[in-house]
Amino acid sequence: MAEHYFTNKPSVEHRFKEFTEELRGRTYSFLTDSGVFSKDEVDLGSKILIETLSLQPGQTVLDLGCGYGPIGIVAATLVGETGQVYMVDVNERACELARKNVERNGIRHAQVFVGDGVLALPEDFTCDWVLSNPPIRAGKAVYYELLTRAFSKLRPGGCLAVVIRTKQGARSLESYLSELAGNCETIEKKAGFRVLKSCKHLQP
């Protein structure tokens, strides 16, 4: 099987690229490399997820499977410096790029962690939002577990938002999240993608 972006230590030769993208009305600069997801531009799924974000200043956000960082970096802009963003990915090369992109975009309240989802974060970590463009090619068993663990870290009233291609298992993921959370709604359908949202009920 060919190496893909859900790899801890990509072995493909480095081929760096720089580009800018306008996201939510602001221009961001990104450094990418071979061995990471969507190295030539911010992928359409991530763009669609970014456009749906309804984050509030001061919130804590987890970017699960952050790649080189576009979702988490825009999230950091939206929550402001009173908020906090945690970014995690299994791919060491992607995480190093994410750290550089956080710095080059002037973000001072985001941290990047290498590892297996929330297992890479402090044990007492909790958040208001989990955002994810999950690693579909890694298989359902892998990314369902990543999402399940992340959902457990949501504070009461917190929400998980996931973008997925309709043809790559959106309906089965919707069923899975409905069972996990007791709710799941499609908050966007566009260009063959769906954004699914599940929230943790407030404590009575």
N, C-alpha and C. Protein backbone atom coordinates (compact mmCIF):
# COMPACT_ATOMS: atom_id res chain seq x y z
N MET A 1 0.84 -1.20 0.00
CA MET A 1 0.00 0.00 0.00
C MET A 1 0.87 1.25 0.00
N ALA A 2 0.57 2.20 -0.85
CA ALA A 2 1.34 3.42 -0.93
C ALA A 2 1.19 4.24 0.35
N GLU A 3 2.26 4.92 0.71
CA GLU A 3 2.21 5.79 1.88
C GLU A 3 1.21 6.92 1.64
N HIS A 4 0.45 7.28 2.67
CA HIS A 4 -0.48 8.39 2.53
C HIS A 4 -0.32 9.33 3.72
N TYR A 5 -1.15 10.36 3.74
CA TYR A 5 -0.96 11.43 4.72
C TYR A 5 -1.22 10.99 6.15
N PHE A 6 -1.98 9.88 6.37
CA PHE A 6 -2.20 9.39 7.73
C PHE A 6 -1.03 8.47 8.10
N THR A 7 0.15 9.07 8.16
CA THR A 7 1.40 8.38 8.41
C THR A 7 2.17 9.19 9.44
N ASN A 8 2.74 8.52 10.42
CA ASN A 8 3.43 9.25 11.47
C ASN A 8 4.67 9.96 10.96
N LYS A 9 5.48 9.27 10.18
CA LYS A 9 6.73 9.84 9.68
C LYS A 9 6.81 9.66 8.17
N PRO A 10 6.24 10.58 7.40
CA PRO A 10 6.30 10.44 5.94
C PRO A 10 7.75 10.33 5.46
N SER A 11 7.97 9.43 4.50
CA SER A 11 9.32 9.22 3.98
C SER A 11 9.52 9.83 2.61
N VAL A 12 8.46 10.37 2.01
CA VAL A 12 8.59 10.97 0.68
C VAL A 12 9.49 12.20 0.74
N GLU A 13 10.15 12.49 -0.37
CA GLU A 13 11.07 13.61 -0.45
C GLU A 13 10.33 14.93 -0.21
N HIS A 14 10.98 15.83 0.50
CA HIS A 14 10.38 17.14 0.77
C HIS A 14 10.21 17.93 -0.53
N ARG A 15 9.03 18.53 -0.68
CA ARG A 15 8.77 19.46 -1.77
C ARG A 15 7.89 20.57 -1.21
N PHE A 16 8.53 21.58 -0.68
CA PHE A 16 7.80 22.65 0.00
C PHE A 16 7.07 23.54 -1.00
N LYS A 17 5.96 24.08 -0.54
CA LYS A 17 5.18 25.00 -1.35
C LYS A 17 4.58 26.06 -0.44
N GLU A 18 4.49 27.28 -0.91
CA GLU A 18 3.84 28.36 -0.18
C GLU A 18 2.70 28.91 -1.02
N PHE A 19 1.60 29.22 -0.37
CA PHE A 19 0.48 29.85 -1.07
C PHE A 19 -0.36 30.63 -0.07
N THR A 20 -1.25 31.47 -0.58
CA THR A 20 -2.18 32.20 0.27
C THR A 20 -3.60 31.79 -0.07
N GLU A 21 -4.48 31.88 0.91
CA GLU A 21 -5.91 31.60 0.73
C GLU A 21 -6.71 32.64 1.49
N GLU A 22 -7.80 33.09 0.88
CA GLU A 22 -8.73 33.96 1.60
C GLU A 22 -9.81 33.09 2.23
N LEU A 23 -9.89 33.15 3.55
CA LEU A 23 -10.83 32.33 4.32
C LEU A 23 -11.53 33.23 5.33
N ARG A 24 -12.82 33.24 5.30
CA ARG A 24 -13.64 34.07 6.19
C ARG A 24 -13.21 35.54 6.14
N GLY A 25 -12.90 36.01 4.93
CA GLY A 25 -12.61 37.42 4.75
C GLY A 25 -11.21 37.86 5.12
N ARG A 26 -10.34 36.91 5.41
CA ARG A 26 -8.96 37.26 5.76
C ARG A 26 -8.02 36.41 4.91
N THR A 27 -6.90 36.98 4.53
CA THR A 27 -5.90 36.24 3.75
C THR A 27 -4.89 35.58 4.68
N TYR A 28 -4.72 34.29 4.49
CA TYR A 28 -3.78 33.50 5.29
C TYR A 28 -2.66 32.98 4.40
N SER A 29 -1.50 32.80 4.98
CA SER A 29 -0.33 32.27 4.27
C SER A 29 0.00 30.88 4.81
N PHE A 30 0.19 29.93 3.91
CA PHE A 30 0.47 28.56 4.32
C PHE A 30 1.73 28.02 3.65
N LEU A 31 2.50 27.30 4.44
CA LEU A 31 3.63 26.51 3.96
C LEU A 31 3.21 25.04 4.00
N THR A 32 3.39 24.33 2.90
CA THR A 32 3.03 22.91 2.86
C THR A 32 4.22 22.11 2.32
N ASP A 33 4.01 20.80 2.23
CA ASP A 33 5.09 19.91 1.82
C ASP A 33 4.48 18.62 1.29
N SER A 34 5.27 17.84 0.59
CA SER A 34 4.82 16.52 0.20
C SER A 34 4.61 15.66 1.46
N GLY A 35 3.77 14.66 1.35
CA GLY A 35 3.50 13.79 2.50
C GLY A 35 2.43 14.30 3.43
N VAL A 36 1.76 15.42 3.06
CA VAL A 36 0.65 15.94 3.86
C VAL A 36 -0.57 16.08 2.97
N PHE A 37 -1.73 16.14 3.59
CA PHE A 37 -2.99 16.20 2.86
C PHE A 37 -3.18 17.55 2.17
N SER A 38 -3.53 17.49 0.89
CA SER A 38 -3.90 18.68 0.10
C SER A 38 -2.82 19.76 0.15
N LYS A 39 -1.63 19.40 -0.33
CA LYS A 39 -0.47 20.28 -0.22
C LYS A 39 -0.53 21.49 -1.13
N ASP A 40 -1.33 21.45 -2.20
CA ASP A 40 -1.32 22.53 -3.19
C ASP A 40 -2.28 23.67 -2.89
N GLU A 41 -3.29 23.40 -2.09
CA GLU A 41 -4.27 24.41 -1.72
C GLU A 41 -5.10 23.87 -0.56
N VAL A 42 -5.79 24.74 0.14
CA VAL A 42 -6.71 24.27 1.18
C VAL A 42 -7.83 23.52 0.48
N ASP A 43 -8.05 22.29 0.89
CA ASP A 43 -9.03 21.42 0.22
C ASP A 43 -10.45 21.95 0.39
N LEU A 44 -11.30 21.58 -0.54
CA LEU A 44 -12.66 22.09 -0.55
C LEU A 44 -13.44 21.71 0.70
N GLY A 45 -13.26 20.49 1.18
CA GLY A 45 -13.97 20.08 2.40
C GLY A 45 -13.64 20.96 3.58
N SER A 46 -12.36 21.26 3.76
CA SER A 46 -11.95 22.14 4.85
C SER A 46 -12.53 23.53 4.68
N LYS A 47 -12.53 24.03 3.44
CA LYS A 47 -13.11 25.35 3.18
C LYS A 47 -14.59 25.39 3.54
N ILE A 48 -15.31 24.34 3.18
CA ILE A 48 -16.75 24.29 3.49
C ILE A 48 -16.97 24.26 5.00
N LEU A 49 -16.18 23.44 5.70
CA LEU A 49 -16.28 23.40 7.16
C LEU A 49 -15.97 24.77 7.76
N ILE A 50 -14.92 25.41 7.29
CA ILE A 50 -14.53 26.73 7.81
C ILE A 50 -15.67 27.73 7.64
N GLU A 51 -16.35 27.68 6.52
CA GLU A 51 -17.44 28.63 6.26
C GLU A 51 -18.62 28.43 7.20
N THR A 52 -18.79 27.23 7.75
CA THR A 52 -19.93 26.96 8.64
C THR A 52 -19.65 27.33 10.09
N LEU A 53 -18.41 27.63 10.44
CA LEU A 53 -18.04 27.78 11.84
C LEU A 53 -18.77 28.94 12.50
N SER A 54 -19.35 28.64 13.66
CA SER A 54 -20.05 29.66 14.45
C SER A 54 -19.40 29.78 15.82
N LEU A 55 -18.10 29.92 15.82
CA LEU A 55 -17.34 30.00 17.07
C LEU A 55 -17.51 31.36 17.72
N GLN A 56 -17.35 31.38 19.04
CA GLN A 56 -17.49 32.61 19.81
C GLN A 56 -16.17 32.97 20.49
N PRO A 57 -15.90 34.26 20.67
CA PRO A 57 -14.69 34.66 21.38
C PRO A 57 -14.59 33.98 22.75
N GLY A 58 -13.38 33.53 23.07
CA GLY A 58 -13.14 32.92 24.37
C GLY A 58 -13.33 31.42 24.42
N GLN A 59 -13.81 30.82 23.34
CA GLN A 59 -14.04 29.37 23.37
C GLN A 59 -12.74 28.59 23.16
N THR A 60 -12.77 27.33 23.58
CA THR A 60 -11.66 26.41 23.38
C THR A 60 -12.03 25.43 22.28
N VAL A 61 -11.14 25.26 21.32
CA VAL A 61 -11.41 24.47 20.12
C VAL A 61 -10.33 23.42 19.93
N LEU A 62 -10.74 22.23 19.51
CA LEU A 62 -9.82 21.18 19.09
C LEU A 62 -9.96 20.98 17.58
N ASP A 63 -8.85 21.13 16.87
CA ASP A 63 -8.78 20.78 15.45
C ASP A 63 -8.19 19.38 15.37
N LEU A 64 -9.06 18.41 15.12
CA LEU A 64 -8.69 16.98 15.16
C LEU A 64 -8.27 16.53 13.76
N GLY A 65 -6.99 16.18 13.61
CA GLY A 65 -6.45 15.86 12.31
C GLY A 65 -6.14 17.14 11.55
N CYS A 66 -5.30 17.98 12.16
CA CYS A 66 -5.15 19.37 11.72
C CYS A 66 -4.40 19.54 10.42
N GLY A 67 -3.64 18.52 9.98
CA GLY A 67 -2.82 18.72 8.79
C GLY A 67 -1.88 19.89 9.00
N TYR A 68 -1.71 20.72 7.98
CA TYR A 68 -0.81 21.87 8.12
C TYR A 68 -1.50 23.08 8.74
N GLY A 69 -2.79 22.92 9.16
CA GLY A 69 -3.36 23.88 10.08
C GLY A 69 -4.45 24.84 9.66
N PRO A 70 -5.01 24.77 8.44
CA PRO A 70 -5.95 25.83 8.05
C PRO A 70 -7.19 25.96 8.94
N ILE A 71 -7.79 24.83 9.32
CA ILE A 71 -9.01 24.90 10.13
C ILE A 71 -8.70 25.51 11.50
N GLY A 72 -7.67 25.00 12.14
CA GLY A 72 -7.32 25.50 13.47
C GLY A 72 -6.89 26.95 13.48
N ILE A 73 -6.19 27.37 12.43
CA ILE A 73 -5.72 28.75 12.36
C ILE A 73 -6.88 29.71 12.17
N VAL A 74 -7.83 29.36 11.31
CA VAL A 74 -9.02 30.21 11.17
C VAL A 74 -9.83 30.20 12.46
N ALA A 75 -9.94 29.03 13.09
CA ALA A 75 -10.66 28.94 14.37
C ALA A 75 -10.03 29.85 15.40
N ALA A 76 -8.70 29.91 15.43
CA ALA A 76 -8.01 30.77 16.39
C ALA A 76 -8.35 32.24 16.15
N THR A 77 -8.47 32.63 14.89
CA THR A 77 -8.87 33.99 14.58
C THR A 77 -10.28 34.26 15.10
N LEU A 78 -11.19 33.30 14.94
CA LEU A 78 -12.58 33.50 15.32
C LEU A 78 -12.78 33.52 16.84
N VAL A 79 -12.03 32.72 17.59
CA VAL A 79 -12.21 32.72 19.05
C VAL A 79 -11.42 33.84 19.73
N GLY A 80 -10.51 34.45 18.98
CA GLY A 80 -9.76 35.58 19.52
C GLY A 80 -8.74 35.15 20.56
N GLU A 81 -8.01 36.12 21.05
CA GLU A 81 -6.91 35.81 21.97
C GLU A 81 -7.38 35.43 23.36
N THR A 82 -8.67 35.58 23.65
CA THR A 82 -9.20 35.06 24.91
C THR A 82 -9.57 33.59 24.79
N GLY A 83 -9.56 33.06 23.56
CA GLY A 83 -9.84 31.65 23.32
C GLY A 83 -8.55 30.85 23.24
N GLN A 84 -8.71 29.57 22.95
CA GLN A 84 -7.55 28.69 22.85
C GLN A 84 -7.85 27.61 21.83
N VAL A 85 -6.87 27.31 20.99
CA VAL A 85 -7.03 26.26 19.98
C VAL A 85 -5.94 25.21 20.17
N TYR A 86 -6.35 23.96 20.18
CA TYR A 86 -5.45 22.82 20.23
C TYR A 86 -5.55 22.10 18.89
N MET A 87 -4.41 21.81 18.30
CA MET A 87 -4.36 21.16 17.00
C MET A 87 -3.57 19.87 17.14
N VAL A 88 -4.09 18.78 16.59
CA VAL A 88 -3.42 17.50 16.75
C VAL A 88 -3.48 16.71 15.45
N ASP A 89 -2.39 16.01 15.15
CA ASP A 89 -2.33 15.16 13.96
C ASP A 89 -1.29 14.07 14.21
N VAL A 90 -1.49 12.91 13.61
CA VAL A 90 -0.54 11.82 13.74
C VAL A 90 0.71 12.05 12.89
N ASN A 91 0.60 12.92 11.90
CA ASN A 91 1.66 13.14 10.92
C ASN A 91 2.64 14.20 11.43
N GLU A 92 3.85 13.78 11.76
CA GLU A 92 4.84 14.70 12.33
C GLU A 92 5.17 15.85 11.37
N ARG A 93 5.27 15.54 10.09
CA ARG A 93 5.59 16.57 9.11
C ARG A 93 4.47 17.61 9.05
N ALA A 94 3.23 17.16 9.07
CA ALA A 94 2.09 18.08 9.06
C ALA A 94 2.11 18.98 10.29
N CYS A 95 2.42 18.40 11.44
CA CYS A 95 2.43 19.18 12.69
C CYS A 95 3.53 20.23 12.69
N GLU A 96 4.69 19.90 12.15
CA GLU A 96 5.75 20.88 12.06
C GLU A 96 5.34 22.03 11.15
N LEU A 97 4.68 21.71 10.05
CA LEU A 97 4.16 22.76 9.17
C LEU A 97 3.10 23.59 9.88
N ALA A 98 2.22 22.91 10.63
CA ALA A 98 1.17 23.64 11.35
C ALA A 98 1.78 24.64 12.32
N ARG A 99 2.83 24.24 13.03
CA ARG A 99 3.49 25.16 13.96
C ARG A 99 4.04 26.38 13.21
N LYS A 100 4.66 26.14 12.07
CA LYS A 100 5.19 27.25 11.27
C LYS A 100 4.07 28.14 10.76
N ASN A 101 2.96 27.53 10.36
CA ASN A 101 1.84 28.32 9.84
C ASN A 101 1.14 29.11 10.92
N VAL A 102 1.06 28.56 12.12
CA VAL A 102 0.54 29.32 13.26
C VAL A 102 1.38 30.58 13.46
N GLU A 103 2.69 30.42 13.42
CA GLU A 103 3.59 31.55 13.63
C GLU A 103 3.50 32.55 12.48
N ARG A 104 3.49 32.07 11.24
CA ARG A 104 3.53 32.99 10.10
C ARG A 104 2.22 33.78 9.95
N ASN A 105 1.14 33.28 10.57
CA ASN A 105 -0.13 33.99 10.53
C ASN A 105 -0.41 34.79 11.81
N GLY A 106 0.61 34.89 12.66
CA GLY A 106 0.49 35.75 13.83
C GLY A 106 -0.44 35.22 14.91
N ILE A 107 -0.61 33.90 14.95
CA ILE A 107 -1.49 33.29 15.97
C ILE A 107 -0.66 32.97 17.20
N ARG A 108 -1.10 33.46 18.36
CA ARG A 108 -0.34 33.26 19.60
C ARG A 108 -1.08 32.39 20.62
N HIS A 109 -2.25 31.90 20.26
CA HIS A 109 -3.05 31.15 21.23
C HIS A 109 -3.50 29.80 20.64
N ALA A 110 -2.56 29.17 19.92
CA ALA A 110 -2.80 27.82 19.39
C ALA A 110 -1.58 26.96 19.66
N GLN A 111 -1.83 25.71 20.02
CA GLN A 111 -0.77 24.75 20.28
C GLN A 111 -0.96 23.54 19.38
N VAL A 112 0.14 22.95 18.92
CA VAL A 112 0.09 21.81 18.02
C VAL A 112 0.72 20.60 18.71
N PHE A 113 0.01 19.47 18.64
CA PHE A 113 0.46 18.24 19.27
C PHE A 113 0.52 17.12 18.24
N VAL A 114 1.57 16.30 18.32
CA VAL A 114 1.69 15.12 17.47
C VAL A 114 1.16 13.91 18.23
N GLY A 115 0.26 13.15 17.60
CA GLY A 115 -0.17 11.92 18.25
C GLY A 115 -1.53 11.45 17.80
N ASP A 116 -2.05 10.48 18.55
CA ASP A 116 -3.28 9.77 18.21
C ASP A 116 -4.48 10.51 18.81
N GLY A 117 -4.88 11.59 18.16
CA GLY A 117 -6.06 12.33 18.63
C GLY A 117 -5.88 12.87 20.03
N VAL A 118 -6.94 12.78 20.82
CA VAL A 118 -6.91 13.39 22.16
C VAL A 118 -5.96 12.67 23.10
N LEU A 119 -5.49 11.48 22.73
CA LEU A 119 -4.51 10.79 23.57
C LEU A 119 -3.20 11.58 23.64
N ALA A 120 -2.99 12.48 22.69
CA ALA A 120 -1.78 13.31 22.68
C ALA A 120 -1.92 14.56 23.55
N LEU A 121 -3.12 14.82 24.05
CA LEU A 121 -3.39 16.05 24.80
C LEU A 121 -3.34 15.80 26.29
N PRO A 122 -3.25 16.87 27.09
CA PRO A 122 -3.29 16.71 28.55
C PRO A 122 -4.54 15.93 28.98
N GLU A 123 -4.41 15.11 30.00
CA GLU A 123 -5.51 14.24 30.41
C GLU A 123 -6.76 15.01 30.80
N ASP A 124 -6.57 16.20 31.35
CA ASP A 124 -7.72 17.00 31.82
C ASP A 124 -8.27 17.93 30.74
N PHE A 125 -7.85 17.76 29.51
CA PHE A 125 -8.29 18.62 28.41
C PHE A 125 -9.80 18.51 28.20
N THR A 126 -10.44 19.67 28.03
CA THR A 126 -11.84 19.73 27.60
C THR A 126 -11.99 20.90 26.63
N CYS A 127 -13.07 20.90 25.86
CA CYS A 127 -13.22 21.95 24.86
C CYS A 127 -14.69 22.23 24.57
N ASP A 128 -14.91 23.35 23.88
CA ASP A 128 -16.26 23.73 23.46
C ASP A 128 -16.61 23.21 22.08
N TRP A 129 -15.59 23.02 21.26
CA TRP A 129 -15.79 22.55 19.89
C TRP A 129 -14.72 21.54 19.52
N VAL A 130 -15.13 20.51 18.79
CA VAL A 130 -14.20 19.65 18.06
C VAL A 130 -14.51 19.85 16.57
N LEU A 131 -13.50 20.19 15.80
CA LEU A 131 -13.64 20.38 14.36
C LEU A 131 -12.78 19.35 13.66
N SER A 132 -13.31 18.71 12.62
CA SER A 132 -12.51 17.68 11.97
C SER A 132 -12.88 17.49 10.50
N ASN A 133 -11.85 17.43 9.69
CA ASN A 133 -11.91 16.88 8.34
C ASN A 133 -11.16 15.56 8.45
N PRO A 134 -11.86 14.47 8.79
CA PRO A 134 -11.18 13.26 9.27
C PRO A 134 -10.43 12.52 8.17
N PRO A 135 -9.48 11.66 8.59
CA PRO A 135 -8.67 10.90 7.63
C PRO A 135 -9.44 9.71 7.07
N ILE A 136 -10.29 9.96 6.09
CA ILE A 136 -11.18 8.93 5.55
C ILE A 136 -10.40 7.71 5.06
N ARG A 137 -9.26 7.97 4.43
CA ARG A 137 -8.49 6.84 3.87
C ARG A 137 -7.92 5.93 4.93
N ALA A 138 -7.88 6.38 6.17
CA ALA A 138 -7.41 5.51 7.25
C ALA A 138 -8.43 4.45 7.63
N GLY A 139 -9.68 4.63 7.19
CA GLY A 139 -10.73 3.65 7.47
C GLY A 139 -11.62 4.05 8.63
N LYS A 140 -12.87 3.55 8.59
CA LYS A 140 -13.86 3.90 9.61
C LYS A 140 -13.40 3.55 11.01
N ALA A 141 -12.79 2.38 11.17
CA ALA A 141 -12.40 1.95 12.51
C ALA A 141 -11.47 2.98 13.15
N VAL A 142 -10.62 3.60 12.34
CA VAL A 142 -9.66 4.58 12.85
C VAL A 142 -10.35 5.90 13.15
N TYR A 143 -11.05 6.47 12.15
CA TYR A 143 -11.55 7.83 12.40
C TYR A 143 -12.80 7.86 13.25
N TYR A 144 -13.59 6.77 13.29
CA TYR A 144 -14.70 6.73 14.24
C TYR A 144 -14.18 6.76 15.68
N GLU A 145 -13.09 6.03 15.92
CA GLU A 145 -12.51 6.02 17.27
C GLU A 145 -11.95 7.39 17.63
N LEU A 146 -11.29 8.04 16.67
CA LEU A 146 -10.78 9.39 16.91
C LEU A 146 -11.91 10.35 17.30
N LEU A 147 -13.03 10.28 16.57
CA LEU A 147 -14.16 11.16 16.84
C LEU A 147 -14.83 10.83 18.17
N THR A 148 -14.92 9.54 18.49
CA THR A 148 -15.55 9.13 19.74
C THR A 148 -14.76 9.65 20.94
N ARG A 149 -13.46 9.47 20.90
CA ARG A 149 -12.62 9.96 22.00
C ARG A 149 -12.72 11.48 22.11
N ALA A 150 -12.71 12.15 20.98
CA ALA A 150 -12.78 13.61 21.00
C ALA A 150 -14.12 14.10 21.55
N PHE A 151 -15.20 13.42 21.18
CA PHE A 151 -16.52 13.80 21.68
C PHE A 151 -16.57 13.74 23.20
N SER A 152 -15.86 12.76 23.77
CA SER A 152 -15.86 12.59 25.23
C SER A 152 -15.20 13.77 25.94
N LYS A 153 -14.42 14.57 25.21
CA LYS A 153 -13.73 15.72 25.79
C LYS A 153 -14.54 17.01 25.68
N LEU A 154 -15.68 16.95 25.04
CA LEU A 154 -16.52 18.14 24.93
C LEU A 154 -17.14 18.50 26.27
N ARG A 155 -17.19 19.77 26.55
CA ARG A 155 -17.91 20.25 27.73
C ARG A 155 -19.41 20.15 27.46
N PRO A 156 -20.25 20.07 28.51
CA PRO A 156 -21.70 20.06 28.30
C PRO A 156 -22.13 21.25 27.43
N GLY A 157 -22.88 20.98 26.39
CA GLY A 157 -23.28 22.01 25.44
C GLY A 157 -22.31 22.20 24.30
N GLY A 158 -21.15 21.55 24.38
CA GLY A 158 -20.15 21.64 23.31
C GLY A 158 -20.55 20.80 22.11
N CYS A 159 -19.95 21.09 20.96
CA CYS A 159 -20.35 20.44 19.72
C CYS A 159 -19.16 19.95 18.91
N LEU A 160 -19.42 18.89 18.16
CA LEU A 160 -18.50 18.30 17.20
C LEU A 160 -19.01 18.63 15.80
N ALA A 161 -18.15 19.17 14.93
CA ALA A 161 -18.51 19.45 13.54
C ALA A 161 -17.52 18.74 12.64
N VAL A 162 -18.03 17.92 11.72
CA VAL A 162 -17.22 17.08 10.87
C VAL A 162 -17.63 17.28 9.42
N VAL A 163 -16.66 17.42 8.52
CA VAL A 163 -16.97 17.48 7.09
C VAL A 163 -16.57 16.16 6.44
N ILE A 164 -17.42 15.68 5.55
CA ILE A 164 -17.17 14.41 4.88
C ILE A 164 -17.85 14.42 3.52
N ARG A 165 -17.23 13.78 2.55
CA ARG A 165 -17.88 13.64 1.24
C ARG A 165 -19.12 12.76 1.39
N THR A 166 -20.20 13.18 0.75
CA THR A 166 -21.44 12.41 0.82
C THR A 166 -21.22 10.98 0.37
N LYS A 167 -20.42 10.78 -0.67
CA LYS A 167 -20.19 9.44 -1.23
C LYS A 167 -19.16 8.63 -0.47
N GLN A 168 -18.53 9.22 0.53
CA GLN A 168 -17.51 8.50 1.30
C GLN A 168 -17.97 8.16 2.70
N GLY A 169 -19.28 8.00 2.87
CA GLY A 169 -19.78 7.49 4.13
C GLY A 169 -20.48 8.49 5.01
N ALA A 170 -21.00 9.57 4.42
CA ALA A 170 -21.66 10.59 5.24
C ALA A 170 -22.87 10.04 5.98
N ARG A 171 -23.65 9.22 5.29
CA ARG A 171 -24.88 8.72 5.94
C ARG A 171 -24.56 7.75 7.08
N SER A 172 -23.57 6.90 6.89
CA SER A 172 -23.22 5.99 7.98
C SER A 172 -22.59 6.74 9.14
N LEU A 173 -21.81 7.79 8.85
CA LEU A 173 -21.25 8.60 9.93
C LEU A 173 -22.35 9.34 10.67
N GLU A 174 -23.34 9.81 9.94
CA GLU A 174 -24.47 10.50 10.57
C GLU A 174 -25.19 9.56 11.53
N SER A 175 -25.38 8.32 11.13
CA SER A 175 -26.02 7.33 12.00
C SER A 175 -25.17 7.06 13.23
N TYR A 176 -23.86 6.94 13.01
CA TYR A 176 -22.95 6.67 14.12
C TYR A 176 -22.96 7.81 15.13
N LEU A 177 -22.88 9.06 14.63
CA LEU A 177 -22.87 10.20 15.54
C LEU A 177 -24.21 10.38 16.24
N SER A 178 -25.29 10.04 15.56
CA SER A 178 -26.62 10.11 16.20
C SER A 178 -26.69 9.17 17.39
N GLU A 179 -26.10 7.99 17.22
CA GLU A 179 -26.10 7.02 18.32
C GLU A 179 -25.15 7.46 19.43
N LEU A 180 -24.01 8.00 19.05
CA LEU A 180 -23.00 8.44 20.03
C LEU A 180 -23.52 9.60 20.87
N ALA A 181 -24.09 10.60 20.21
CA ALA A 181 -24.43 11.85 20.89
C ALA A 181 -25.91 11.99 21.22
N GLY A 182 -26.74 11.16 20.57
CA GLY A 182 -28.18 11.31 20.72
C GLY A 182 -28.74 12.36 19.77
N ASN A 183 -27.87 12.91 18.91
CA ASN A 183 -28.31 13.91 17.94
C ASN A 183 -27.25 14.07 16.87
N CYS A 184 -27.68 14.41 15.67
CA CYS A 184 -26.76 14.75 14.58
C CYS A 184 -27.57 15.46 13.51
N GLU A 185 -27.11 16.62 13.11
CA GLU A 185 -27.79 17.35 12.05
C GLU A 185 -26.80 17.71 10.95
N THR A 186 -27.31 17.78 9.74
CA THR A 186 -26.51 18.24 8.60
C THR A 186 -26.67 19.75 8.53
N ILE A 187 -25.58 20.49 8.77
CA ILE A 187 -25.68 21.94 8.80
C ILE A 187 -25.23 22.57 7.48
N GLU A 188 -24.68 21.75 6.59
CA GLU A 188 -24.32 22.25 5.26
C GLU A 188 -24.23 21.09 4.29
N LYS A 189 -24.74 21.28 3.09
CA LYS A 189 -24.57 20.34 1.98
C LYS A 189 -24.10 21.17 0.79
N LYS A 190 -22.90 20.86 0.29
CA LYS A 190 -22.35 21.67 -0.79
C LYS A 190 -21.28 20.89 -1.54
N ALA A 191 -21.36 20.91 -2.87
CA ALA A 191 -20.31 20.37 -3.75
C ALA A 191 -19.94 18.93 -3.41
N GLY A 192 -20.93 18.13 -3.02
CA GLY A 192 -20.67 16.74 -2.70
C GLY A 192 -20.18 16.48 -1.30
N PHE A 193 -20.19 17.50 -0.45
CA PHE A 193 -19.78 17.36 0.95
C PHE A 193 -20.96 17.63 1.87
N ARG A 194 -20.86 17.09 3.07
CA ARG A 194 -21.79 17.42 4.14
C ARG A 194 -21.01 17.80 5.38
N VAL A 195 -21.53 18.76 6.10
CA VAL A 195 -21.00 19.08 7.43
C VAL A 195 -22.01 18.59 8.45
N LEU A 196 -21.57 17.67 9.29
CA LEU A 196 -22.41 17.08 10.33
C LEU A 196 -22.06 17.69 11.68
N LYS A 197 -23.09 17.91 12.49
CA LYS A 197 -22.87 18.53 13.81
C LYS A 197 -23.62 17.73 14.87
N SER A 198 -22.89 17.36 15.91
CA SER A 198 -23.48 16.67 17.07
C SER A 198 -23.04 17.40 18.34
N CYS A 199 -23.98 17.59 19.25
CA CYS A 199 -23.68 18.35 20.47
C CYS A 199 -23.90 17.50 21.71
N LYS A 200 -23.11 17.81 22.74
CA LYS A 200 -23.23 17.11 24.03
C LYS A 200 -24.30 17.82 24.85
N HIS A 201 -25.29 17.08 25.30
CA HIS A 201 -26.40 17.68 26.01
C HIS A 201 -25.92 18.36 27.29
N LEU A 202 -26.54 19.47 27.61
CA LEU A 202 -26.30 20.12 28.90
C LEU A 202 -26.76 19.22 30.02
N GLN A 203 -26.06 19.26 31.12
CA GLN A 203 -26.46 18.48 32.27
C GLN A 203 -27.77 19.02 32.86
N PRO A 204 -28.72 18.15 33.24
CA PRO A 204 -29.98 18.65 33.81
C PRO A 204 -29.73 19.34 35.14
